[in-house]
Amino acid sequence: MRHRKLLILIIFLLVVMAVAGVVYYRMARPGRAVFLLPDGDLVVYADLAPIPFVNVGQYIDVDQLPGQSDPEYRDFIKQTNFHVERDLKTIAVSIRNPGDANPELATVFTGNFDQNGLRSYMESHSTGSESYAGKTIFSIHGPNHLARACILDSSTVVVTNTDSADAMHGIIDKASHSYSFAEASPLVRDYYSYVPFGSLGWAMLRMPQRSGSAPVAGEFNMDFLQNSVSVLSVRYTGSIRIRAEVISASEADAAKVFQAANLFVTFTKGLAGTGTGQDKDVNAAFNSVQVQQTGKSTVLSATIPQAAVQKMADRMKH
């Protein structure tokens, strides 16, 4: 009897380990939407699936979100029966030359789509269509560019605004077979390991070396970010954990990033004593900001307690 119980226990542990391995494997690499993206200088991903399980109404009034009262958006909902806050699961965006006035974008949406309703909507708003690899690509003229939209399947929709159809064709080609991490875009393939496990949202920004000065954000010159890749991530563990890691070309460049980040931290913590009064939760969020440098990497992190999120949301409502 003792040996039988031991055998059952061993089998149970092996099953648990196998399930945990599968879960880790799926969460430790980007999802299919990210894999489909073409290469870009900025890649952004957001997993919205957990939102329905969170009482969003305690933080924001969904009806007051930008665009909710827009007639075109309401017409879109009526024709497609698609509600962004309810049906959208993930968004993956790749942007080439994000500093340009009209950057090239490729966006992959996953969620619950009514294919017939969405197809009818696209047909009524398109100026033409193309058939490629068994898929229909709809052309929609915008104010400054031509957008292309394609329904890959019942859970995936792609939109691009590139001059050429190559980006859309490449996405359709990738979607036709099982994805391999080796086929992900170079930016994702080389830097996804810097995204913390369990992140609900992340962004990667590649800043190439430029002949002139880098862009200026507010009062801060961004020259120190040239020839680097920045990885920003957001996790929820009861509190919101924000992490930004800058991978520089050299330790000397990383030292410049560290110096600029320290200046930002000093400025941020100074706000804790001026604009937030004696609110301990909000002050704790400001005071949690930290910066560390290890070799070529500089990490800026902050933790926002749930109580602070609630208080900030209350102030926005009023």
Foldseek 3Di string as FASTA:
>chain_A
DVVVVVVVVVVVVVVVVVVVVVVCVQQLADDPQQQLAAAAQKKKKFFLQCVVVDPCVLQDDVCPDPPNPPPVVVVLCVQWVDDCNPWWGMKMKGWHPVVDPDIKMKMKTFGATDVVSVVVVLVVQFPDWDADPNWIWGWHDDPPFIKIKTDLDRTMIMIIGDPDCVRVNSSSVCVVDDDDLVSGYPQSSVCVSVEDGAFRIKMKGAAEADPDFQDADDPRGPRLLYQWMKMWTWHDDQWIKIKIKIQHPWQVSQVVVQVVLVVVLVVQLVCLPPVPPPPPQLNQQSNQWDWDDDTRMIMTMTIRHPVNSSVVSVVVVD
